[in-house]
Amino acid sequence: MEELNGLETTLLNRLTEKYPSLKSHLPHLKVAKRQTSGFSLYVYFSYVDFDEEPELINALFSNGEKIETSTLKEGLSYVVDITAGIIEHIEFSTYKEKWDGTFGDYTIVESEMNDQ
């Protein structure tokens, strides 16, 4: 199992702004595997030494943000899957652009809809 990278940590911290009860989960998360599909990257999580009873939250969270990256013309969207109070995975998706799953330099850009 691997540690979360900076982008994964940032996105999960933003998740806990909306779902504060999940903040206690973050120190226990490790990356179980990263799987690419050519257009997407799935980051699956495992919990280590976590014995809390999770709050019953079922959500797909994206915060309406886009990730601009030096490796892709159109950038990425993402969604975090929370099932039965467990942070399951993050799915990063391109806008139909082939991608090897590497980020390079990136910036998180808020959706214009969030500005209104």
PDB file of N, CA and C in Angstrom:
ATOM      1  N   MET A   1       0.834  -1.176   0.000  1.00  0.00           N
ATOM      2  CA  MET A   1       0.000   0.000   0.000  1.00  0.00           C
ATOM      3  C   MET A   1       0.884   1.247   0.000  1.00  0.00           C
ATOM      4  N   GLU A   2       0.361   2.273  -0.635  1.00  0.00           N
ATOM      5  CA  GLU A   2       1.116   3.517  -0.783  1.00  0.00           C
ATOM      6  C   GLU A   2       0.450   4.653  -0.019  1.00  0.00           C
ATOM      7  N   GLU A   3       1.224   5.694   0.219  1.00  0.00           N
ATOM      8  CA  GLU A   3       0.690   6.919   0.793  1.00  0.00           C
ATOM      9  C   GLU A   3      -0.091   7.671  -0.282  1.00  0.00           C
ATOM     10  N   LEU A   4      -1.022   8.501   0.150  1.00  0.00           N
ATOM     11  CA  LEU A   4      -1.747   9.365  -0.778  1.00  0.00           C
ATOM     12  C   LEU A   4      -0.798  10.432  -1.298  1.00  0.00           C
ATOM     13  N   ASN A   5      -0.982  10.851  -2.541  1.00  0.00           N
ATOM     14  CA  ASN A   5      -0.161  11.938  -3.068  1.00  0.00           C
ATOM     15  C   ASN A   5      -0.796  13.281  -2.698  1.00  0.00           C
ATOM     16  N   GLY A   6      -0.139  14.361  -3.047  1.00  0.00           N
ATOM     17  CA  GLY A   6      -0.597  15.696  -2.676  1.00  0.00           C
ATOM     18  C   GLY A   6      -1.969  16.042  -3.220  1.00  0.00           C
ATOM     19  N   LEU A   7      -2.234  15.680  -4.464  1.00  0.00           N
ATOM     20  CA  LEU A   7      -3.529  15.977  -5.071  1.00  0.00           C
ATOM     21  C   LEU A   7      -4.639  15.188  -4.384  1.00  0.00           C
ATOM     22  N   GLU A   8      -4.413  13.923  -4.149  1.00  0.00           N
ATOM     23  CA  GLU A   8      -5.412  13.089  -3.478  1.00  0.00           C
ATOM     24  C   GLU A   8      -5.726  13.646  -2.086  1.00  0.00           C
ATOM     25  N   THR A   9      -4.695  14.022  -1.350  1.00  0.00           N
ATOM     26  CA  THR A   9      -4.870  14.592  -0.017  1.00  0.00           C
ATOM     27  C   THR A   9      -5.657  15.898  -0.078  1.00  0.00           C
ATOM     28  N   THR A  10      -5.329  16.758  -1.035  1.00  0.00           N
ATOM     29  CA  THR A  10      -6.039  18.028  -1.186  1.00  0.00           C
ATOM     30  C   THR A  10      -7.517  17.804  -1.475  1.00  0.00           C
ATOM     31  N   LEU A  11      -7.823  16.908  -2.397  1.00  0.00           N
ATOM     32  CA  LEU A  11      -9.221  16.644  -2.747  1.00  0.00           C
ATOM     33  C   LEU A  11      -9.995  16.052  -1.573  1.00  0.00           C
ATOM     34  N   LEU A  12      -9.361  15.173  -0.816  1.00  0.00           N
ATOM     35  CA  LEU A  12     -10.044  14.581   0.330  1.00  0.00           C
ATOM     36  C   LEU A  12     -10.228  15.600   1.457  1.00  0.00           C
ATOM     37  N   ASN A  13      -9.295  16.522   1.604  1.00  0.00           N
ATOM     38  CA  ASN A  13      -9.482  17.602   2.584  1.00  0.00           C
ATOM     39  C   ASN A  13     -10.669  18.476   2.192  1.00  0.00           C
ATOM     40  N   ARG A  14     -10.847  18.725   0.904  1.00  0.00           N
ATOM     41  CA  ARG A  14     -12.012  19.485   0.440  1.00  0.00           C
ATOM     42  C   ARG A  14     -13.301  18.711   0.684  1.00  0.00           C
ATOM     43  N   LEU A  15     -13.237  17.406   0.534  1.00  0.00           N
ATOM     44  CA  LEU A  15     -14.379  16.546   0.823  1.00  0.00           C
ATOM     45  C   LEU A  15     -14.812  16.717   2.280  1.00  0.00           C
ATOM     46  N   THR A  16     -13.841  16.776   3.189  1.00  0.00           N
ATOM     47  CA  THR A  16     -14.183  16.859   4.610  1.00  0.00           C
ATOM     48  C   THR A  16     -14.746  18.227   4.998  1.00  0.00           C
ATOM     49  N   GLU A  17     -14.584  19.215   4.144  1.00  0.00           N
ATOM     50  CA  GLU A  17     -15.243  20.496   4.399  1.00  0.00           C
ATOM     51  C   GLU A  17     -16.762  20.329   4.286  1.00  0.00           C
ATOM     52  N   LYS A  18     -17.191  19.498   3.360  1.00  0.00           N
ATOM     53  CA  LYS A  18     -18.623  19.243   3.189  1.00  0.00           C
ATOM     54  C   LYS A  18     -19.119  18.162   4.150  1.00  0.00           C
ATOM     55  N   TYR A  19     -18.275  17.169   4.412  1.00  0.00           N
ATOM     56  CA  TYR A  19     -18.621  16.050   5.292  1.00  0.00           C
ATOM     57  C   TYR A  19     -17.591  15.980   6.430  1.00  0.00           C
ATOM     58  N   PRO A  20     -17.727  16.856   7.445  1.00  0.00           N
ATOM     59  CA  PRO A  20     -16.717  16.922   8.517  1.00  0.00           C
ATOM     60  C   PRO A  20     -16.489  15.602   9.259  1.00  0.00           C
ATOM     61  N   SER A  21     -17.485  14.751   9.335  1.00  0.00           N
ATOM     62  CA  SER A  21     -17.308  13.484  10.053  1.00  0.00           C
ATOM     63  C   SER A  21     -16.283  12.570   9.377  1.00  0.00           C
ATOM     64  N   LEU A  22     -15.964  12.827   8.109  1.00  0.00           N
ATOM     65  CA  LEU A  22     -14.981  11.999   7.403  1.00  0.00           C
ATOM     66  C   LEU A  22     -13.532  12.417   7.676  1.00  0.00           C
ATOM     67  N   LYS A  23     -13.340  13.554   8.330  1.00  0.00           N
ATOM     68  CA  LYS A  23     -11.983  14.049   8.595  1.00  0.00           C
ATOM     69  C   LYS A  23     -11.156  13.045   9.398  1.00  0.00           C
ATOM     70  N   SER A  24     -11.808  12.368  10.339  1.00  0.00           N
ATOM     71  CA  SER A  24     -11.081  11.392  11.160  1.00  0.00           C
ATOM     72  C   SER A  24     -10.636  10.169  10.356  1.00  0.00           C
ATOM     73  N   HIS A  25     -11.162   9.994   9.153  1.00  0.00           N
ATOM     74  CA  HIS A  25     -10.790   8.862   8.305  1.00  0.00           C
ATOM     75  C   HIS A  25      -9.427   9.081   7.631  1.00  0.00           C
ATOM     76  N   LEU A  26      -9.107  10.345   7.325  1.00  0.00           N
ATOM     77  CA  LEU A  26      -7.953  10.642   6.471  1.00  0.00           C
ATOM     78  C   LEU A  26      -6.629  10.074   6.967  1.00  0.00           C
ATOM     79  N   PRO A  27      -6.303  10.148   8.264  1.00  0.00           N
ATOM     80  CA  PRO A  27      -5.019   9.573   8.702  1.00  0.00           C
ATOM     81  C   PRO A  27      -4.925   8.057   8.510  1.00  0.00           C
ATOM     82  N   HIS A  28      -6.050   7.406   8.304  1.00  0.00           N
ATOM     83  CA  HIS A  28      -6.078   5.946   8.190  1.00  0.00           C
ATOM     84  C   HIS A  28      -6.112   5.443   6.742  1.00  0.00           C
ATOM     85  N   LEU A  29      -6.180   6.364   5.787  1.00  0.00           N
ATOM     86  CA  LEU A  29      -6.290   5.957   4.381  1.00  0.00           C
ATOM     87  C   LEU A  29      -4.927   5.705   3.747  1.00  0.00           C
ATOM     88  N   LYS A  30      -4.860   4.645   3.009  1.00  0.00           N
ATOM     89  CA  LYS A  30      -3.705   4.302   2.177  1.00  0.00           C
ATOM     90  C   LYS A  30      -4.241   3.970   0.789  1.00  0.00           C
ATOM     91  N   VAL A  31      -3.390   4.102  -0.206  1.00  0.00           N
ATOM     92  CA  VAL A  31      -3.769   3.732  -1.566  1.00  0.00           C
ATOM     93  C   VAL A  31      -3.561   2.232  -1.727  1.00  0.00           C
ATOM     94  N   ALA A  32      -4.647   1.524  -1.980  1.00  0.00           N
ATOM     95  CA  ALA A  32      -4.573   0.080  -2.210  1.00  0.00           C
ATOM     96  C   ALA A  32      -4.064  -0.209  -3.618  1.00  0.00           C
ATOM     97  N   LYS A  33      -4.572   0.571  -4.602  1.00  0.00           N
ATOM     98  CA  LYS A  33      -4.074   0.433  -5.973  1.00  0.00           C
ATOM     99  C   LYS A  33      -4.505   1.629  -6.797  1.00  0.00           C
ATOM    100  N   ARG A  34      -3.738   1.880  -7.834  1.00  0.00           N
ATOM    101  CA  ARG A  34      -4.065   2.875  -8.850  1.00  0.00           C
ATOM    102  C   ARG A  34      -4.209   2.116 -10.157  1.00  0.00           C
ATOM    103  N   GLN A  35      -5.323   2.351 -10.847  1.00  0.00           N
ATOM    104  CA  GLN A  35      -5.618   1.603 -12.074  1.00  0.00           C
ATOM    105  C   GLN A  35      -5.990   2.588 -13.175  1.00  0.00           C
ATOM    106  N   THR A  36      -5.287   2.504 -14.303  1.00  0.00           N
ATOM    107  CA  THR A  36      -5.594   3.379 -15.430  1.00  0.00           C
ATOM    108  C   THR A  36      -6.383   2.623 -16.484  1.00  0.00           C
ATOM    109  N   SER A  37      -7.188   3.397 -17.240  1.00  0.00           N
ATOM    110  CA  SER A  37      -7.991   2.784 -18.294  1.00  0.00           C
ATOM    111  C   SER A  37      -7.735   3.425 -19.656  1.00  0.00           C
ATOM    112  N   GLY A  38      -6.794   4.332 -19.745  1.00  0.00           N
ATOM    113  CA  GLY A  38      -6.542   5.036 -20.996  1.00  0.00           C
ATOM    114  C   GLY A  38      -7.142   6.425 -21.003  1.00  0.00           C
ATOM    115  N   PHE A  39      -8.295   6.591 -20.380  1.00  0.00           N
ATOM    116  CA  PHE A  39      -8.963   7.882 -20.271  1.00  0.00           C
ATOM    117  C   PHE A  39      -9.209   8.269 -18.812  1.00  0.00           C
ATOM    118  N   SER A  40      -9.009   7.315 -17.896  1.00  0.00           N
ATOM    119  CA  SER A  40      -9.310   7.536 -16.485  1.00  0.00           C
ATOM    120  C   SER A  40      -8.234   6.919 -15.609  1.00  0.00           C
ATOM    121  N   LEU A  41      -8.216   7.390 -14.371  1.00  0.00           N
ATOM    122  CA  LEU A  41      -7.381   6.806 -13.330  1.00  0.00           C
ATOM    123  C   LEU A  41      -8.277   6.590 -12.120  1.00  0.00           C
ATOM    124  N   TYR A  42      -8.279   5.366 -11.607  1.00  0.00           N
ATOM    125  CA  TYR A  42      -9.018   5.031 -10.400  1.00  0.00           C
ATOM    126  C   TYR A  42      -8.014   4.835  -9.279  1.00  0.00           C
ATOM    127  N   VAL A  43      -8.244   5.524  -8.160  1.00  0.00           N
ATOM    128  CA  VAL A  43      -7.388   5.394  -6.985  1.00  0.00           C
ATOM    129  C   VAL A  43      -8.247   4.766  -5.886  1.00  0.00           C
ATOM    130  N   TYR A  44      -7.961   3.501  -5.558  1.00  0.00           N
ATOM    131  CA  TYR A  44      -8.735   2.757  -4.568  1.00  0.00           C
ATOM    132  C   TYR A  44      -8.041   2.838  -3.214  1.00  0.00           C
ATOM    133  N   PHE A  45      -8.850   3.030  -2.162  1.00  0.00           N
ATOM    134  CA  PHE A  45      -8.313   3.214  -0.825  1.00  0.00           C
ATOM    135  C   PHE A  45      -8.569   2.015   0.067  1.00  0.00           C
ATOM    136  N   SER A  46      -7.672   1.846   1.042  1.00  0.00           N
ATOM    137  CA  SER A  46      -7.832   0.892   2.134  1.00  0.00           C
ATOM    138  C   SER A  46      -7.640   1.663   3.433  1.00  0.00           C
ATOM    139  N   TYR A  47      -8.291   1.186   4.468  1.00  0.00           N
ATOM    140  CA  TYR A  47      -8.150   1.782   5.791  1.00  0.00           C
ATOM    141  C   TYR A  47      -7.162   0.950   6.606  1.00  0.00           C
ATOM    142  N   VAL A  48      -6.327   1.640   7.386  1.00  0.00           N
ATOM    143  CA  VAL A  48      -5.369   0.977   8.252  1.00  0.00           C
ATOM    144  C   VAL A  48      -5.644   1.435   9.688  1.00  0.00           C
ATOM    145  N   ASP A  49      -5.810   0.481  10.592  1.00  0.00           N
ATOM    146  CA  ASP A  49      -6.038   0.777  12.011  1.00  0.00           C
ATOM    147  C   ASP A  49      -7.200   1.742  12.234  1.00  0.00           C
ATOM    148  N   PHE A  50      -8.301   1.465  11.601  1.00  0.00           N
ATOM    149  CA  PHE A  50      -9.495   2.305  11.722  1.00  0.00           C
ATOM    150  C   PHE A  50     -10.591   1.481  12.378  1.00  0.00           C
ATOM    151  N   ASP A  51     -11.059   1.924  13.549  1.00  0.00           N
ATOM    152  CA  ASP A  51     -12.070   1.135  14.240  1.00  0.00           C
ATOM    153  C   ASP A  51     -13.313   1.946  14.598  1.00  0.00           C
ATOM    154  N   GLU A  52     -13.494   3.096  13.971  1.00  0.00           N
ATOM    155  CA  GLU A  52     -14.692   3.902  14.198  1.00  0.00           C
ATOM    156  C   GLU A  52     -15.878   3.300  13.454  1.00  0.00           C
ATOM    157  N   GLU A  53     -17.041   3.553  13.982  1.00  0.00           N
ATOM    158  CA  GLU A  53     -18.269   3.192  13.278  1.00  0.00           C
ATOM    159  C   GLU A  53     -18.558   4.331  12.296  1.00  0.00           C
ATOM    160  N   PRO A  54     -18.479   4.086  10.988  1.00  0.00           N
ATOM    161  CA  PRO A  54     -18.667   5.182  10.038  1.00  0.00           C
ATOM    162  C   PRO A  54     -20.102   5.704  10.028  1.00  0.00           C
ATOM    163  N   GLU A  55     -20.230   7.021   9.856  1.00  0.00           N
ATOM    164  CA  GLU A  55     -21.543   7.635   9.686  1.00  0.00           C
ATOM    165  C   GLU A  55     -22.090   7.195   8.333  1.00  0.00           C
ATOM    166  N   LEU A  56     -23.364   6.944   8.260  1.00  0.00           N
ATOM    167  CA  LEU A  56     -23.950   6.442   7.015  1.00  0.00           C
ATOM    168  C   LEU A  56     -24.048   7.570   5.984  1.00  0.00           C
ATOM    169  N   ILE A  57     -23.008   7.688   5.163  1.00  0.00           N
ATOM    170  CA  ILE A  57     -22.960   8.680   4.085  1.00  0.00           C
ATOM    171  C   ILE A  57     -22.783   7.918   2.779  1.00  0.00           C
ATOM    172  N   ASN A  58     -23.636   8.197   1.820  1.00  0.00           N
ATOM    173  CA  ASN A  58     -23.481   7.680   0.464  1.00  0.00           C
ATOM    174  C   ASN A  58     -23.485   8.892  -0.446  1.00  0.00           C
ATOM    175  N   ALA A  59     -22.352   9.122  -1.127  1.00  0.00           N
ATOM    176  CA  ALA A  59     -22.250  10.325  -1.955  1.00  0.00           C
ATOM    177  C   ALA A  59     -21.196  10.149  -3.035  1.00  0.00           C
ATOM    178  N   LEU A  60     -21.404  10.893  -4.094  1.00  0.00           N
ATOM    179  CA  LEU A  60     -20.387  11.099  -5.120  1.00  0.00           C
ATOM    180  C   LEU A  60     -20.047  12.577  -5.038  1.00  0.00           C
ATOM    181  N   PHE A  61     -18.801  12.890  -4.728  1.00  0.00           N
ATOM    182  CA  PHE A  61     -18.391  14.265  -4.449  1.00  0.00           C
ATOM    183  C   PHE A  61     -17.377  14.736  -5.484  1.00  0.00           C
ATOM    184  N   SER A  62     -17.620  15.914  -6.069  1.00  0.00           N
ATOM    185  CA  SER A  62     -16.626  16.488  -6.984  1.00  0.00           C
ATOM    186  C   SER A  62     -16.383  17.963  -6.721  1.00  0.00           C
ATOM    187  N   ASN A  63     -17.234  18.620  -5.966  1.00  0.00           N
ATOM    188  CA  ASN A  63     -17.076  20.034  -5.629  1.00  0.00           C
ATOM    189  C   ASN A  63     -17.119  20.935  -6.856  1.00  0.00           C
ATOM    190  N   GLY A  64     -17.515  20.399  -8.014  1.00  0.00           N
ATOM    191  CA  GLY A  64     -17.631  21.206  -9.223  1.00  0.00           C
ATOM    192  C   GLY A  64     -16.315  21.783  -9.707  1.00  0.00           C
ATOM    193  N   GLU A  65     -15.224  21.100  -9.434  1.00  0.00           N
ATOM    194  CA  GLU A  65     -13.901  21.607  -9.798  1.00  0.00           C
ATOM    195  C   GLU A  65     -13.337  20.844 -10.999  1.00  0.00           C
ATOM    196  N   LYS A  66     -12.393  21.481 -11.655  1.00  0.00           N
ATOM    197  CA  LYS A  66     -11.654  20.874 -12.762  1.00  0.00           C
ATOM    198  C   LYS A  66     -10.177  20.932 -12.392  1.00  0.00           C
ATOM    199  N   ILE A  67      -9.434  19.942 -12.818  1.00  0.00           N
ATOM    200  CA  ILE A  67      -7.995  19.907 -12.568  1.00  0.00           C
ATOM    201  C   ILE A  67      -7.288  20.178 -13.887  1.00  0.00           C
ATOM    202  N   GLU A  68      -6.593  21.294 -13.944  1.00  0.00           N
ATOM    203  CA  GLU A  68      -5.775  21.599 -15.114  1.00  0.00           C
ATOM    204  C   GLU A  68      -4.401  21.004 -14.861  1.00  0.00           C
ATOM    205  N   THR A  69      -3.866  20.341 -15.875  1.00  0.00           N
ATOM    206  CA  THR A  69      -2.577  19.679 -15.733  1.00  0.00           C
ATOM    207  C   THR A  69      -1.731  19.916 -16.979  1.00  0.00           C
ATOM    208  N   SER A  70      -0.429  19.929 -16.769  1.00  0.00           N
ATOM    209  CA  SER A  70       0.486  20.185 -17.886  1.00  0.00           C
ATOM    210  C   SER A  70       0.523  19.033 -18.886  1.00  0.00           C
ATOM    211  N   THR A  71      -0.013  17.876 -18.521  1.00  0.00           N
ATOM    212  CA  THR A  71       0.051  16.708 -19.405  1.00  0.00           C
ATOM    213  C   THR A  71      -1.191  16.533 -20.276  1.00  0.00           C
ATOM    214  N   LEU A  72      -2.242  17.359 -20.042  1.00  0.00           N
ATOM    215  CA  LEU A  72      -3.492  17.220 -20.799  1.00  0.00           C
ATOM    216  C   LEU A  72      -3.988  18.573 -21.275  1.00  0.00           C
ATOM    217  N   LYS A  73      -4.513  18.621 -22.488  1.00  0.00           N
ATOM    218  CA  LYS A  73      -5.028  19.881 -23.043  1.00  0.00           C
ATOM    219  C   LYS A  73      -6.263  20.373 -22.311  1.00  0.00           C
ATOM    220  N   GLU A  74      -7.214  19.467 -22.050  1.00  0.00           N
ATOM    221  CA  GLU A  74      -8.501  19.845 -21.464  1.00  0.00           C
ATOM    222  C   GLU A  74      -8.593  19.623 -19.956  1.00  0.00           C
ATOM    223  N   GLY A  75      -7.583  19.017 -19.362  1.00  0.00           N
ATOM    224  CA  GLY A  75      -7.600  18.777 -17.931  1.00  0.00           C
ATOM    225  C   GLY A  75      -8.433  17.555 -17.545  1.00  0.00           C
ATOM    226  N   LEU A  76      -8.801  17.510 -16.265  1.00  0.00           N
ATOM    227  CA  LEU A  76      -9.479  16.345 -15.687  1.00  0.00           C
ATOM    228  C   LEU A  76     -10.682  16.755 -14.859  1.00  0.00           C
ATOM    229  N   SER A  77     -11.632  15.872 -14.789  1.00  0.00           N
ATOM    230  CA  SER A  77     -12.677  15.961 -13.780  1.00  0.00           C
ATOM    231  C   SER A  77     -12.356  14.872 -12.755  1.00  0.00           C
ATOM    232  N   TYR A  78     -13.023  14.943 -11.604  1.00  0.00           N
ATOM    233  CA  TYR A  78     -12.840  13.889 -10.609  1.00  0.00           C
ATOM    234  C   TYR A  78     -14.122  13.695  -9.833  1.00  0.00           C
ATOM    235  N   VAL A  79     -14.239  12.533  -9.226  1.00  0.00           N
ATOM    236  CA  VAL A  79     -15.338  12.254  -8.312  1.00  0.00           C
ATOM    237  C   VAL A  79     -14.820  11.310  -7.230  1.00  0.00           C
ATOM    238  N   VAL A  80     -15.197  11.618  -5.982  1.00  0.00           N
ATOM    239  CA  VAL A  80     -14.849  10.769  -4.845  1.00  0.00           C
ATOM    240  C   VAL A  80     -16.095   9.966  -4.489  1.00  0.00           C
ATOM    241  N   ASP A  81     -15.940   8.652  -4.378  1.00  0.00           N
ATOM    242  CA  ASP A  81     -17.047   7.760  -4.041  1.00  0.00           C
ATOM    243  C   ASP A  81     -16.998   7.431  -2.552  1.00  0.00           C
ATOM    244  N   ILE A  82     -18.081   7.814  -1.839  1.00  0.00           N
ATOM    245  CA  ILE A  82     -18.249   7.451  -0.434  1.00  0.00           C
ATOM    246  C   ILE A  82     -19.445   6.508  -0.366  1.00  0.00           C
ATOM    247  N   THR A  83     -19.230   5.297   0.114  1.00  0.00           N
ATOM    248  CA  THR A  83     -20.293   4.298   0.204  1.00  0.00           C
ATOM    249  C   THR A  83     -20.379   3.791   1.639  1.00  0.00           C
ATOM    250  N   ALA A  84     -21.565   3.912   2.230  1.00  0.00           N
ATOM    251  CA  ALA A  84     -21.807   3.477   3.611  1.00  0.00           C
ATOM    252  C   ALA A  84     -20.793   4.083   4.578  1.00  0.00           C
ATOM    253  N   GLY A  85     -20.432   5.345   4.333  1.00  0.00           N
ATOM    254  CA  GLY A  85     -19.526   6.064   5.224  1.00  0.00           C
ATOM    255  C   GLY A  85     -18.057   5.775   5.020  1.00  0.00           C
ATOM    256  N   ILE A  86     -17.724   5.002   4.007  1.00  0.00           N
ATOM    257  CA  ILE A  86     -16.332   4.639   3.708  1.00  0.00           C
ATOM    258  C   ILE A  86     -15.897   5.331   2.421  1.00  0.00           C
ATOM    259  N   ILE A  87     -14.731   5.973   2.473  1.00  0.00           N
ATOM    260  CA  ILE A  87     -14.175   6.603   1.270  1.00  0.00           C
ATOM    261  C   ILE A  87     -13.588   5.479   0.424  1.00  0.00           C
ATOM    262  N   GLU A  88     -14.267   5.157  -0.675  1.00  0.00           N
ATOM    263  CA  GLU A  88     -13.909   3.998  -1.496  1.00  0.00           C
ATOM    264  C   GLU A  88     -12.794   4.307  -2.503  1.00  0.00           C
ATOM    265  N   HIS A  89     -13.022   5.346  -3.335  1.00  0.00           N
ATOM    266  CA  HIS A  89     -12.044   5.646  -4.371  1.00  0.00           C
ATOM    267  C   HIS A  89     -12.255   7.049  -4.946  1.00  0.00           C
ATOM    268  N   ILE A  90     -11.250   7.492  -5.691  1.00  0.00           N
ATOM    269  CA  ILE A  90     -11.356   8.702  -6.514  1.00  0.00           C
ATOM    270  C   ILE A  90     -11.218   8.265  -7.961  1.00  0.00           C
ATOM    271  N   GLU A  91     -12.106   8.770  -8.803  1.00  0.00           N
ATOM    272  CA  GLU A  91     -11.994   8.539 -10.243  1.00  0.00           C
ATOM    273  C   GLU A  91     -11.623   9.860 -10.900  1.00  0.00           C
ATOM    274  N   PHE A  92     -10.496   9.878 -11.577  1.00  0.00           N
ATOM    275  CA  PHE A  92     -10.071  11.021 -12.377  1.00  0.00           C
ATOM    276  C   PHE A  92     -10.366  10.680 -13.826  1.00  0.00           C
ATOM    277  N   SER A  93     -11.002  11.597 -14.564  1.00  0.00           N
ATOM    278  CA  SER A  93     -11.353  11.327 -15.961  1.00  0.00           C
ATOM    279  C   SER A  93     -10.937  12.479 -16.856  1.00  0.00           C
ATOM    280  N   THR A  94     -10.422  12.121 -18.013  1.00  0.00           N
ATOM    281  CA  THR A  94     -10.116  13.131 -19.021  1.00  0.00           C
ATOM    282  C   THR A  94     -11.388  13.440 -19.795  1.00  0.00           C
ATOM    283  N   TYR A  95     -11.295  14.431 -20.621  1.00  0.00           N
ATOM    284  CA  TYR A  95     -12.404  14.764 -21.517  1.00  0.00           C
ATOM    285  C   TYR A  95     -12.109  14.143 -22.877  1.00  0.00           C
ATOM    286  N   LYS A  96     -12.126  12.775 -22.891  1.00  0.00           N
ATOM    287  CA  LYS A  96     -11.889  11.950 -24.086  1.00  0.00           C
ATOM    288  C   LYS A  96     -10.486  12.115 -24.661  1.00  0.00           C
ATOM    289  N   GLU A  97      -9.534  12.337 -23.785  1.00  0.00           N
ATOM    290  CA  GLU A  97      -8.135  12.482 -24.186  1.00  0.00           C
ATOM    291  C   GLU A  97      -7.343  11.313 -23.592  1.00  0.00           C
ATOM    292  N   LYS A  98      -6.540  10.634 -24.418  1.00  0.00           N
ATOM    293  CA  LYS A  98      -5.715   9.532 -23.926  1.00  0.00           C
ATOM    294  C   LYS A  98      -4.797  10.047 -22.824  1.00  0.00           C
ATOM    295  N   TRP A  99      -4.619   9.201 -21.774  1.00  0.00           N
ATOM    296  CA  TRP A  99      -3.848   9.636 -20.611  1.00  0.00           C
ATOM    297  C   TRP A  99      -3.228   8.434 -19.925  1.00  0.00           C
ATOM    298  N   ASP A 100      -1.992   8.594 -19.473  1.00  0.00           N
ATOM    299  CA  ASP A 100      -1.287   7.493 -18.810  1.00  0.00           C
ATOM    300  C   ASP A 100      -1.428   7.517 -17.287  1.00  0.00           C
ATOM    301  N   GLY A 101      -2.185   8.469 -16.748  1.00  0.00           N
ATOM    302  CA  GLY A 101      -2.412   8.517 -15.310  1.00  0.00           C
ATOM    303  C   GLY A 101      -1.417   9.365 -14.532  1.00  0.00           C
ATOM    304  N   THR A 102      -0.487  10.018 -15.223  1.00  0.00           N
ATOM    305  CA  THR A 102       0.449  10.908 -14.528  1.00  0.00           C
ATOM    306  C   THR A 102      -0.071  12.339 -14.584  1.00  0.00           C
ATOM    307  N   PHE A 103       0.202  13.086 -13.516  1.00  0.00           N
ATOM    308  CA  PHE A 103      -0.359  14.422 -13.401  1.00  0.00           C
ATOM    309  C   PHE A 103       0.571  15.530 -13.863  1.00  0.00           C
ATOM    310  N   GLY A 104       1.857  15.445 -13.580  1.00  0.00           N
ATOM    311  CA  GLY A 104       2.729  16.582 -13.838  1.00  0.00           C
ATOM    312  C   GLY A 104       2.282  17.734 -12.944  1.00  0.00           C
ATOM    313  N   ASP A 105       2.530  18.943 -13.386  1.00  0.00           N
ATOM    314  CA  ASP A 105       2.060  20.111 -12.636  1.00  0.00           C
ATOM    315  C   ASP A 105       0.554  20.222 -12.805  1.00  0.00           C
ATOM    316  N   TYR A 106      -0.129  20.633 -11.757  1.00  0.00           N
ATOM    317  CA  TYR A 106      -1.583  20.743 -11.842  1.00  0.00           C
ATOM    318  C   TYR A 106      -2.073  21.946 -11.036  1.00  0.00           C
ATOM    319  N   THR A 107      -3.273  22.391 -11.381  1.00  0.00           N
ATOM    320  CA  THR A 107      -3.980  23.450 -10.666  1.00  0.00           C
ATOM    321  C   THR A 107      -5.437  23.029 -10.562  1.00  0.00           C
ATOM    322  N   ILE A 108      -6.018  23.239  -9.394  1.00  0.00           N
ATOM    323  CA  ILE A 108      -7.442  22.960  -9.223  1.00  0.00           C
ATOM    324  C   ILE A 108      -8.195  24.251  -9.482  1.00  0.00           C
ATOM    325  N   VAL A 109      -9.128  24.189 -10.425  1.00  0.00           N
ATOM    326  CA  VAL A 109      -9.875  25.362 -10.845  1.00  0.00           C
ATOM    327  C   VAL A 109     -11.334  25.179 -10.471  1.00  0.00           C
ATOM    328  N   GLU A 110     -11.885  26.162  -9.769  1.00  0.00           N
ATOM    329  CA  GLU A 110     -13.302  26.085  -9.402  1.00  0.00           C
ATOM    330  C   GLU A 110     -14.157  26.300 -10.631  1.00  0.00           C
ATOM    331  N   SER A 111     -15.275  25.620 -10.656  1.00  0.00           N
ATOM    332  CA  SER A 111     -16.223  25.757 -11.743  1.00  0.00           C
ATOM    333  C   SER A 111     -16.773  27.172 -11.760  1.00  0.00           C
ATOM    334  N   GLU A 112     -17.032  27.671 -12.964  1.00  0.00           N
ATOM    335  CA  GLU A 112     -17.654  28.987 -13.101  1.00  0.00           C
ATOM    336  C   GLU A 112     -19.023  28.990 -12.451  1.00  0.00           C
ATOM    337  N   MET A 113     -19.689  27.843 -12.404  1.00  0.00           N
ATOM    338  CA  MET A 113     -21.002  27.744 -11.766  1.00  0.00           C
ATOM    339  C   MET A 113     -20.892  28.006 -10.265  1.00  0.00           C
ATOM    340  N   ASN A 114     -19.728  27.675  -9.652  1.00  0.00           N
ATOM    341  CA  ASN A 114     -19.532  27.910  -8.218  1.00  0.00           C
ATOM    342  C   ASN A 114     -19.410  29.399  -7.919  1.00  0.00           C
ATOM    343  N   ASP A 115     -19.037  30.206  -8.926  1.00  0.00           N
ATOM    344  CA  ASP A 115     -18.826  31.633  -8.731  1.00  0.00           C
ATOM    345  C   ASP A 115     -20.134  32.409  -8.710  1.00  0.00           C
ATOM    346  N   GLN A 116     -21.217  31.810  -9.165  1.00  0.00           N
ATOM    347  CA  GLN A 116     -22.489  32.540  -9.272  1.00  0.00           C
ATOM    348  C   GLN A 116     -23.259  32.506  -7.983  1.00  0.00           C
TER     349      GLN A 116
END
